[in-house]
Amino acid sequence: MGMNAMVVRPAYPTPEHAAAAQSVVRFLRDRPGLSALLLTCSCARGRATADSCLDLIALLSSSVTAEVHAELEHSLREFPESDPAVLAVERVGKYSEVELDFRDGHFAPQPRGPTSGPDGFELEIGNTIAYSFPLLEQDDRYQRLRQQWLPYYPDDLRRKRLAEVRRYCLNNLDHIPLYVARGLYFQSFHRLYDAFREFLQGLFISRRTYPIAYDKWIREQVVEILGLPELYAQLPRLLEIRRFESDEIARKAAVLRKLVDEHVGE
């Protein structure tokens, strides 16, 4: 299944969130070096609450210089300290605030190791391009990036990525029985959780669909985006450990390995 565009249903949880977004738009309009301002995460998908942050991405122009980038970033770091609308967001929820990230639109896999957990390549593309909503567009760069990266990246890279993720996932799972036998239960659980997140990464790659996150919104992603409710029903139980210092984590690893064989592949 391809990327389900219907998950992008922008909605602000409070008037303060909406006012802050518009304040940032006014501040950035006509700024040199800026291609677009994007609404992302739960507000972009209509899932935010009063405690949610207002997550924004400043998409830089393709030809922006380092000096212009630095000036733009500096001005935006200063902006929340003086803007009443931005400050108001911090008062509506316990941890709500305006979170602004910068992206240059150049997406590339970064080196990773066998114990580092899933990397952020697909997450960055998904949250910047697939699951975002433009609040401000000053040129056509955002639309060109969508044409380039949607519905998914090239298949030769996808096959390479899938094989790599599967290899790292199975490596984590293979270590778990050895660690359990040595009484290293916390390390075993750590490996299980990394393998679980790598399983999700491989699941999305195998279905040519961008993810949102590997540690939250799991039901939304697996059930609503991928359309796999039967699979989701099995996932919470993988991390439900009744007796920690036992071989239970190794048994959970065996179940997850079967799911990898069933769902993560061509």
C-alpha atoms as a PDB file:
ATOM      1  CA  MET A   1       0.000   0.000   0.000  1.00  0.00           C
ATOM      2  CA  GLY A   2       1.275   3.468  -0.825  1.00  0.00           C
ATOM      3  CA  MET A   3       1.303   6.561   1.344  1.00  0.00           C
ATOM      4  CA  ASN A   4      -2.204   7.448   2.489  1.00  0.00           C
ATOM      5  CA  ALA A   5      -2.565  11.200   1.971  1.00  0.00           C
ATOM      6  CA  MET A   6      -5.794  11.239   3.997  1.00  0.00           C
ATOM      7  CA  VAL A   7      -3.796  11.218   7.235  1.00  0.00           C
ATOM      8  CA  VAL A   8      -2.937  14.888   6.606  1.00  0.00           C
ATOM      9  CA  ARG A   9      -5.931  16.666   8.147  1.00  0.00           C
ATOM     10  CA  PRO A  10      -4.526  19.822   9.769  1.00  0.00           C
ATOM     11  CA  ALA A  11      -6.335  20.985  12.884  1.00  0.00           C
ATOM     12  CA  TYR A  12      -5.222  23.077  15.846  1.00  0.00           C
ATOM     13  CA  PRO A  13      -6.214  21.845  19.311  1.00  0.00           C
ATOM     14  CA  THR A  14      -6.579  25.349  20.781  1.00  0.00           C
ATOM     15  CA  PRO A  15      -6.984  28.921  19.504  1.00  0.00           C
ATOM     16  CA  GLU A  16      -3.549  29.631  20.976  1.00  0.00           C
ATOM     17  CA  HIS A  17      -1.927  27.040  18.703  1.00  0.00           C
ATOM     18  CA  ALA A  18      -3.673  28.545  15.677  1.00  0.00           C
ATOM     19  CA  ALA A  19      -2.687  32.103  16.605  1.00  0.00           C
ATOM     20  CA  ALA A  20       0.950  31.121  17.150  1.00  0.00           C
ATOM     21  CA  ALA A  21       1.116  29.439  13.743  1.00  0.00           C
ATOM     22  CA  GLN A  22      -0.191  32.549  12.036  1.00  0.00           C
ATOM     23  CA  SER A  23       2.234  34.724  13.996  1.00  0.00           C
ATOM     24  CA  VAL A  24       5.191  32.663  12.769  1.00  0.00           C
ATOM     25  CA  VAL A  25       3.847  32.869   9.210  1.00  0.00           C
ATOM     26  CA  ARG A  26       3.672  36.665   9.421  1.00  0.00           C
ATOM     27  CA  PHE A  27       7.181  36.828  10.845  1.00  0.00           C
ATOM     28  CA  LEU A  28       8.652  34.652   8.078  1.00  0.00           C
ATOM     29  CA  ARG A  29       6.766  35.986   5.067  1.00  0.00           C
ATOM     30  CA  ASP A  30       9.158  37.336   2.413  1.00  0.00           C
ATOM     31  CA  ARG A  31      12.217  36.301   4.400  1.00  0.00           C
ATOM     32  CA  PRO A  32      15.164  35.528   2.092  1.00  0.00           C
ATOM     33  CA  GLY A  33      16.416  31.955   2.216  1.00  0.00           C
ATOM     34  CA  LEU A  34      13.054  30.464   3.176  1.00  0.00           C
ATOM     35  CA  SER A  35      11.119  28.298   0.724  1.00  0.00           C
ATOM     36  CA  ALA A  36       8.249  27.178   2.934  1.00  0.00           C
ATOM     37  CA  LEU A  37       6.930  26.900   6.470  1.00  0.00           C
ATOM     38  CA  LEU A  38       5.425  23.485   7.133  1.00  0.00           C
ATOM     39  CA  LEU A  39       3.039  22.331   9.844  1.00  0.00           C
ATOM     40  CA  THR A  40       4.013  18.823  10.959  1.00  0.00           C
ATOM     41  CA  CYS A  41       3.365  16.061  13.502  1.00  0.00           C
ATOM     42  CA  SER A  42       0.071  15.804  15.394  1.00  0.00           C
ATOM     43  CA  CYS A  43      -1.308  19.222  14.402  1.00  0.00           C
ATOM     44  CA  ALA A  44      -0.787  18.398  10.721  1.00  0.00           C
ATOM     45  CA  ARG A  45      -2.705  15.136  11.166  1.00  0.00           C
ATOM     46  CA  GLY A  46      -5.476  16.543  13.354  1.00  0.00           C
ATOM     47  CA  ARG A  47      -4.391  14.471  16.378  1.00  0.00           C
ATOM     48  CA  ALA A  48      -3.079  17.206  18.665  1.00  0.00           C
ATOM     49  CA  THR A  49      -4.323  18.063  22.160  1.00  0.00           C
ATOM     50  CA  ALA A  50      -3.785  21.133  24.325  1.00  0.00           C
ATOM     51  CA  ASP A  51      -0.592  19.516  25.637  1.00  0.00           C
ATOM     52  CA  SER A  52       0.807  19.031  22.118  1.00  0.00           C
ATOM     53  CA  CYS A  53       3.587  21.156  20.725  1.00  0.00           C
ATOM     54  CA  LEU A  54       3.106  23.244  17.624  1.00  0.00           C
ATOM     55  CA  ASP A  55       5.660  21.546  15.374  1.00  0.00           C
ATOM     56  CA  LEU A  56       6.924  23.533  12.401  1.00  0.00           C
ATOM     57  CA  ILE A  57       9.614  23.006   9.775  1.00  0.00           C
ATOM     58  CA  ALA A  58      11.349  25.891   8.038  1.00  0.00           C
ATOM     59  CA  LEU A  59      12.261  24.520   4.609  1.00  0.00           C
ATOM     60  CA  LEU A  60      15.298  26.382   3.293  1.00  0.00           C
ATOM     61  CA  SER A  61      15.783  27.478  -0.286  1.00  0.00           C
ATOM     62  CA  SER A  62      17.986  25.220  -2.397  1.00  0.00           C
ATOM     63  CA  SER A  63      20.470  28.046  -3.013  1.00  0.00           C
ATOM     64  CA  VAL A  64      20.543  29.493   0.492  1.00  0.00           C
ATOM     65  CA  THR A  65      23.991  30.537   1.667  1.00  0.00           C
ATOM     66  CA  ALA A  66      25.421  29.610   5.041  1.00  0.00           C
ATOM     67  CA  GLU A  67      25.287  33.269   6.098  1.00  0.00           C
ATOM     68  CA  VAL A  68      21.590  33.659   5.202  1.00  0.00           C
ATOM     69  CA  HIS A  69      20.797  30.353   6.910  1.00  0.00           C
ATOM     70  CA  ALA A  70      22.584  31.441  10.072  1.00  0.00           C
ATOM     71  CA  GLU A  71      20.806  34.800  10.091  1.00  0.00           C
ATOM     72  CA  LEU A  72      17.405  33.173   9.555  1.00  0.00           C
ATOM     73  CA  GLU A  73      17.989  30.594  12.277  1.00  0.00           C
ATOM     74  CA  HIS A  74      19.212  33.227  14.716  1.00  0.00           C
ATOM     75  CA  SER A  75      16.168  35.436  14.168  1.00  0.00           C
ATOM     76  CA  LEU A  76      13.821  32.494  14.654  1.00  0.00           C
ATOM     77  CA  ARG A  77      15.539  31.428  17.873  1.00  0.00           C
ATOM     78  CA  GLU A  78      15.009  34.928  19.228  1.00  0.00           C
ATOM     79  CA  PHE A  79      11.400  35.173  18.038  1.00  0.00           C
ATOM     80  CA  PRO A  80       9.680  32.914  20.644  1.00  0.00           C
ATOM     81  CA  GLU A  81      11.128  34.938  23.509  1.00  0.00           C
ATOM     82  CA  SER A  82       9.233  38.091  22.510  1.00  0.00           C
ATOM     83  CA  ASP A  83       6.145  37.042  20.561  1.00  0.00           C
ATOM     84  CA  PRO A  84       2.963  37.003  22.734  1.00  0.00           C
ATOM     85  CA  ALA A  85       1.195  34.415  20.560  1.00  0.00           C
ATOM     86  CA  VAL A  86       4.115  31.999  20.761  1.00  0.00           C
ATOM     87  CA  LEU A  87       4.451  32.484  24.521  1.00  0.00           C
ATOM     88  CA  ALA A  88       0.716  31.842  24.950  1.00  0.00           C
ATOM     89  CA  VAL A  89       1.101  28.294  23.646  1.00  0.00           C
ATOM     90  CA  GLU A  90       3.320  27.479  26.611  1.00  0.00           C
ATOM     91  CA  ARG A  91       0.471  28.315  28.985  1.00  0.00           C
ATOM     92  CA  VAL A  92      -2.271  26.142  27.467  1.00  0.00           C
ATOM     93  CA  GLY A  93      -0.655  22.771  28.167  1.00  0.00           C
ATOM     94  CA  LYS A  94       1.855  21.282  30.560  1.00  0.00           C
ATOM     95  CA  TYR A  95       4.531  20.761  27.908  1.00  0.00           C
ATOM     96  CA  SER A  96       3.096  22.617  24.922  1.00  0.00           C
ATOM     97  CA  GLU A  97       5.406  24.973  23.060  1.00  0.00           C
ATOM     98  CA  VAL A  98       6.393  25.998  19.551  1.00  0.00           C
ATOM     99  CA  GLU A  99       9.020  23.638  18.133  1.00  0.00           C
ATOM    100  CA  LEU A 100      10.745  24.857  14.980  1.00  0.00           C
ATOM    101  CA  ASP A 101      13.158  22.716  12.981  1.00  0.00           C
ATOM    102  CA  PHE A 102      15.203  23.583   9.898  1.00  0.00           C
ATOM    103  CA  ARG A 103      15.471  21.313   6.868  1.00  0.00           C
ATOM    104  CA  ASP A 104      17.439  21.870   3.696  1.00  0.00           C
ATOM    105  CA  GLY A 105      15.483  19.312   1.673  1.00  0.00           C
ATOM    106  CA  HIS A 106      18.504  17.106   1.007  1.00  0.00           C
ATOM    107  CA  PHE A 107      17.631  13.616   2.249  1.00  0.00           C
ATOM    108  CA  ALA A 108      20.272  10.892   2.420  1.00  0.00           C
ATOM    109  CA  PRO A 109      20.821   7.813   4.619  1.00  0.00           C
ATOM    110  CA  GLN A 110      23.406   8.345   7.332  1.00  0.00           C
ATOM    111  CA  PRO A 111      25.903   5.734   8.561  1.00  0.00           C
ATOM    112  CA  ARG A 112      24.646   3.597  11.396  1.00  0.00           C
ATOM    113  CA  GLY A 113      25.852   0.644  13.435  1.00  0.00           C
ATOM    114  CA  PRO A 114      24.350  -2.674  14.472  1.00  0.00           C
ATOM    115  CA  THR A 115      23.398  -1.411  17.945  1.00  0.00           C
ATOM    116  CA  SER A 116      22.240   2.124  17.157  1.00  0.00           C
ATOM    117  CA  GLY A 117      18.594   1.295  16.479  1.00  0.00           C
ATOM    118  CA  PRO A 118      16.723   2.489  13.388  1.00  0.00           C
ATOM    119  CA  ASP A 119      18.021   5.539  11.586  1.00  0.00           C
ATOM    120  CA  GLY A 120      15.874   8.524  10.645  1.00  0.00           C
ATOM    121  CA  PHE A 121      16.010   8.524   6.829  1.00  0.00           C
ATOM    122  CA  GLU A 122      12.398   7.523   6.148  1.00  0.00           C
ATOM    123  CA  LEU A 123      11.149   9.455   9.177  1.00  0.00           C
ATOM    124  CA  GLU A 124      12.708  12.692   7.947  1.00  0.00           C
ATOM    125  CA  ILE A 125      11.224  12.355   4.474  1.00  0.00           C
ATOM    126  CA  GLY A 126       7.846  11.334   5.838  1.00  0.00           C
ATOM    127  CA  ASN A 127       7.473  14.144   8.350  1.00  0.00           C
ATOM    128  CA  THR A 128       8.908  16.798   6.027  1.00  0.00           C
ATOM    129  CA  ILE A 129       7.206  15.823   2.776  1.00  0.00           C
ATOM    130  CA  ALA A 130       4.469  13.224   3.209  1.00  0.00           C
ATOM    131  CA  TYR A 131       2.792  14.172   6.512  1.00  0.00           C
ATOM    132  CA  SER A 132       3.170  17.942   6.462  1.00  0.00           C
ATOM    133  CA  PHE A 133       0.931  20.850   5.521  1.00  0.00           C
ATOM    134  CA  PRO A 134       2.324  24.067   4.004  1.00  0.00           C
ATOM    135  CA  LEU A 135       1.390  27.201   5.930  1.00  0.00           C
ATOM    136  CA  LEU A 136       3.579  29.369   3.708  1.00  0.00           C
ATOM    137  CA  GLU A 137       5.144  28.722   0.302  1.00  0.00           C
ATOM    138  CA  GLN A 138       7.464  31.315  -1.217  1.00  0.00           C
ATOM    139  CA  ASP A 139       8.590  29.232  -4.186  1.00  0.00           C
ATOM    140  CA  ASP A 140       7.872  25.808  -5.672  1.00  0.00           C
ATOM    141  CA  ARG A 141      10.532  23.849  -3.769  1.00  0.00           C
ATOM    142  CA  TYR A 142       8.124  22.033  -1.445  1.00  0.00           C
ATOM    143  CA  GLN A 143       6.018  20.868  -4.393  1.00  0.00           C
ATOM    144  CA  ARG A 144       9.123  19.780  -6.312  1.00  0.00           C
ATOM    145  CA  LEU A 145      10.302  17.748  -3.329  1.00  0.00           C
ATOM    146  CA  ARG A 146       6.923  16.059  -3.145  1.00  0.00           C
ATOM    147  CA  GLN A 147       7.164  15.163  -6.820  1.00  0.00           C
ATOM    148  CA  GLN A 148      10.657  13.789  -6.243  1.00  0.00           C
ATOM    149  CA  TRP A 149      10.002  11.716  -3.106  1.00  0.00           C
ATOM    150  CA  LEU A 150       6.340  10.695  -3.360  1.00  0.00           C
ATOM    151  CA  PRO A 151       4.877   8.180  -3.426  1.00  0.00           C
ATOM    152  CA  TYR A 152       8.257   6.660  -2.447  1.00  0.00           C
ATOM    153  CA  TYR A 153      11.959   6.780  -3.173  1.00  0.00           C
ATOM    154  CA  PRO A 154      13.561   4.680  -5.991  1.00  0.00           C
ATOM    155  CA  ASP A 155      13.246   0.921  -5.775  1.00  0.00           C
ATOM    156  CA  ASP A 156      16.966   0.135  -6.011  1.00  0.00           C
ATOM    157  CA  LEU A 157      17.572   2.199  -2.872  1.00  0.00           C
ATOM    158  CA  ARG A 158      14.488   0.679  -1.261  1.00  0.00           C
ATOM    159  CA  ARG A 159      15.784  -2.866  -1.758  1.00  0.00           C
ATOM    160  CA  LYS A 160      19.158  -1.914  -0.305  1.00  0.00           C
ATOM    161  CA  ARG A 161      17.542  -0.202   2.678  1.00  0.00           C
ATOM    162  CA  LEU A 162      15.212  -3.131   3.313  1.00  0.00           C
ATOM    163  CA  ALA A 163      18.032  -5.671   3.320  1.00  0.00           C
ATOM    164  CA  GLU A 164      20.068  -3.502   5.697  1.00  0.00           C
ATOM    165  CA  VAL A 165      17.224  -2.940   8.149  1.00  0.00           C
ATOM    166  CA  ARG A 166      16.303  -6.618   8.136  1.00  0.00           C
ATOM    167  CA  ARG A 167      19.936  -7.555   8.826  1.00  0.00           C
ATOM    168  CA  TYR A 168      20.209  -5.208  11.804  1.00  0.00           C
ATOM    169  CA  CYS A 169      16.864  -6.342  13.174  1.00  0.00           C
ATOM    170  CA  LEU A 170      17.795 -10.021  13.021  1.00  0.00           C
ATOM    171  CA  ASN A 171      21.201  -9.270  14.520  1.00  0.00           C
ATOM    172  CA  ASN A 172      19.492  -7.786  17.575  1.00  0.00           C
ATOM    173  CA  LEU A 173      17.121 -10.724  17.851  1.00  0.00           C
ATOM    174  CA  ASP A 174      19.947 -13.269  17.517  1.00  0.00           C
ATOM    175  CA  HIS A 175      21.781 -11.714  20.464  1.00  0.00           C
ATOM    176  CA  ILE A 176      18.834 -11.931  22.866  1.00  0.00           C
ATOM    177  CA  PRO A 177      18.984 -15.665  23.764  1.00  0.00           C
ATOM    178  CA  LEU A 178      22.724 -15.321  24.394  1.00  0.00           C
ATOM    179  CA  TYR A 179      22.209 -12.384  26.729  1.00  0.00           C
ATOM    180  CA  VAL A 180      19.311 -14.055  28.533  1.00  0.00           C
ATOM    181  CA  ALA A 181      21.473 -17.106  29.156  1.00  0.00           C
ATOM    182  CA  ARG A 182      24.026 -14.823  30.819  1.00  0.00           C
ATOM    183  CA  GLY A 183      21.407 -13.104  32.957  1.00  0.00           C
ATOM    184  CA  LEU A 184      21.709  -9.806  31.046  1.00  0.00           C
ATOM    185  CA  TYR A 185      17.993  -9.135  31.044  1.00  0.00           C
ATOM    186  CA  PHE A 186      18.059  -5.359  30.695  1.00  0.00           C
ATOM    187  CA  GLN A 187      20.378  -5.590  27.689  1.00  0.00           C
ATOM    188  CA  SER A 188      18.103  -8.278  26.270  1.00  0.00           C
ATOM    189  CA  PHE A 189      15.082  -6.014  26.577  1.00  0.00           C
ATOM    190  CA  HIS A 190      17.026  -3.150  25.032  1.00  0.00           C
ATOM    191  CA  ARG A 191      17.821  -5.366  22.055  1.00  0.00           C
ATOM    192  CA  LEU A 192      14.191  -6.462  21.821  1.00  0.00           C
ATOM    193  CA  TYR A 193      12.970  -2.858  21.759  1.00  0.00           C
ATOM    194  CA  ASP A 194      15.514  -1.893  19.087  1.00  0.00           C
ATOM    195  CA  ALA A 195      14.506  -4.915  17.026  1.00  0.00           C
ATOM    196  CA  PHE A 196      10.837  -3.961  17.452  1.00  0.00           C
ATOM    197  CA  ARG A 197      11.503  -0.475  16.086  1.00  0.00           C
ATOM    198  CA  GLU A 198      13.603  -1.910  13.249  1.00  0.00           C
ATOM    199  CA  PHE A 199      10.752  -4.271  12.453  1.00  0.00           C
ATOM    200  CA  LEU A 200       8.455  -1.261  12.091  1.00  0.00           C
ATOM    201  CA  GLN A 201      11.034   0.443   9.895  1.00  0.00           C
ATOM    202  CA  GLY A 202      11.275  -2.615   7.653  1.00  0.00           C
ATOM    203  CA  LEU A 203       7.503  -3.007   7.619  1.00  0.00           C
ATOM    204  CA  PHE A 204       7.069   0.468   6.165  1.00  0.00           C
ATOM    205  CA  ILE A 205       9.929   0.096   3.690  1.00  0.00           C
ATOM    206  CA  SER A 206       8.559  -3.194   2.408  1.00  0.00           C
ATOM    207  CA  ARG A 207       5.210  -1.481   1.760  1.00  0.00           C
ATOM    208  CA  ARG A 208       6.712   1.612   0.154  1.00  0.00           C
ATOM    209  CA  THR A 209       5.130   3.854   2.778  1.00  0.00           C
ATOM    210  CA  TYR A 210       6.733   6.548   4.916  1.00  0.00           C
ATOM    211  CA  PRO A 211       6.446   6.239   8.719  1.00  0.00           C
ATOM    212  CA  ILE A 212       5.662   8.936  11.283  1.00  0.00           C
ATOM    213  CA  ALA A 213       7.577   7.510  14.256  1.00  0.00           C
ATOM    214  CA  TYR A 214       8.766   4.174  15.637  1.00  0.00           C
ATOM    215  CA  ASP A 215       7.928   4.871  19.286  1.00  0.00           C
ATOM    216  CA  LYS A 216       4.492   6.556  19.141  1.00  0.00           C
ATOM    217  CA  TRP A 217       1.335   6.612  17.030  1.00  0.00           C
ATOM    218  CA  ILE A 218       1.913   2.901  16.387  1.00  0.00           C
ATOM    219  CA  ARG A 219      -1.790   1.997  16.198  1.00  0.00           C
ATOM    220  CA  GLU A 220      -2.514   4.892  13.823  1.00  0.00           C
ATOM    221  CA  GLN A 221       0.348   3.906  11.556  1.00  0.00           C
ATOM    222  CA  VAL A 222      -0.137   0.146  11.432  1.00  0.00           C
ATOM    223  CA  VAL A 223      -3.938   0.112  11.418  1.00  0.00           C
ATOM    224  CA  GLU A 224      -4.897   3.298   9.569  1.00  0.00           C
ATOM    225  CA  ILE A 225      -1.953   3.925   7.260  1.00  0.00           C
ATOM    226  CA  LEU A 226      -0.814   0.382   6.492  1.00  0.00           C
ATOM    227  CA  GLY A 227      -4.227  -1.218   6.942  1.00  0.00           C
ATOM    228  CA  LEU A 228      -2.923  -4.108   9.093  1.00  0.00           C
ATOM    229  CA  PRO A 229      -5.196  -4.341  12.168  1.00  0.00           C
ATOM    230  CA  GLU A 230      -4.521  -8.067  12.637  1.00  0.00           C
ATOM    231  CA  LEU A 231      -0.805  -7.427  12.795  1.00  0.00           C
ATOM    232  CA  TYR A 232      -1.204  -4.527  15.217  1.00  0.00           C
ATOM    233  CA  ALA A 233      -3.135  -6.780  17.630  1.00  0.00           C
ATOM    234  CA  GLN A 234       0.063  -8.832  18.056  1.00  0.00           C
ATOM    235  CA  LEU A 235       2.458  -5.944  18.612  1.00  0.00           C
ATOM    236  CA  PRO A 236       1.679  -4.711  22.170  1.00  0.00           C
ATOM    237  CA  ARG A 237       2.082  -8.250  23.512  1.00  0.00           C
ATOM    238  CA  LEU A 238       5.659  -8.366  22.237  1.00  0.00           C
ATOM    239  CA  LEU A 239       6.686  -5.867  24.915  1.00  0.00           C
ATOM    240  CA  GLU A 240       4.476  -7.178  27.730  1.00  0.00           C
ATOM    241  CA  ILE A 241       6.907  -8.957  30.063  1.00  0.00           C
ATOM    242  CA  ARG A 242       5.375 -10.649  33.113  1.00  0.00           C
ATOM    243  CA  ARG A 243       8.571 -12.069  34.579  1.00  0.00           C
ATOM    244  CA  PHE A 244      11.567  -9.991  33.599  1.00  0.00           C
ATOM    245  CA  GLU A 245      14.343 -12.274  34.892  1.00  0.00           C
ATOM    246  CA  SER A 246      13.375 -15.338  32.889  1.00  0.00           C
ATOM    247  CA  ASP A 247      13.551 -16.614  29.328  1.00  0.00           C
ATOM    248  CA  GLU A 248      10.387 -14.655  28.463  1.00  0.00           C
ATOM    249  CA  ILE A 249      12.285 -11.972  26.545  1.00  0.00           C
ATOM    250  CA  ALA A 250      13.917 -14.691  24.430  1.00  0.00           C
ATOM    251  CA  ARG A 251      10.474 -16.141  23.679  1.00  0.00           C
ATOM    252  CA  LYS A 252       9.222 -12.707  22.665  1.00  0.00           C
ATOM    253  CA  ALA A 253      12.232 -12.401  20.370  1.00  0.00           C
ATOM    254  CA  ALA A 254      11.293 -15.677  18.676  1.00  0.00           C
ATOM    255  CA  VAL A 255       7.766 -14.385  18.042  1.00  0.00           C
ATOM    256  CA  LEU A 256       9.103 -11.139  16.606  1.00  0.00           C
ATOM    257  CA  ARG A 257      11.461 -13.057  14.340  1.00  0.00           C
ATOM    258  CA  LYS A 258       8.466 -14.906  12.855  1.00  0.00           C
ATOM    259  CA  LEU A 259       6.754 -11.581  12.213  1.00  0.00           C
ATOM    260  CA  VAL A 260       9.893 -10.321  10.477  1.00  0.00           C
ATOM    261  CA  ASP A 261       9.894 -13.378   8.216  1.00  0.00           C
ATOM    262  CA  GLU A 262       6.192 -12.939   7.465  1.00  0.00           C
ATOM    263  CA  HIS A 263       6.035  -9.191   6.913  1.00  0.00           C
ATOM    264  CA  VAL A 264       9.454  -7.717   6.188  1.00  0.00           C
ATOM    265  CA  GLY A 265      10.617  -8.728   2.755  1.00  0.00           C
ATOM    266  CA  GLU A 266       9.907  -8.331  -0.933  1.00  0.00           C
END
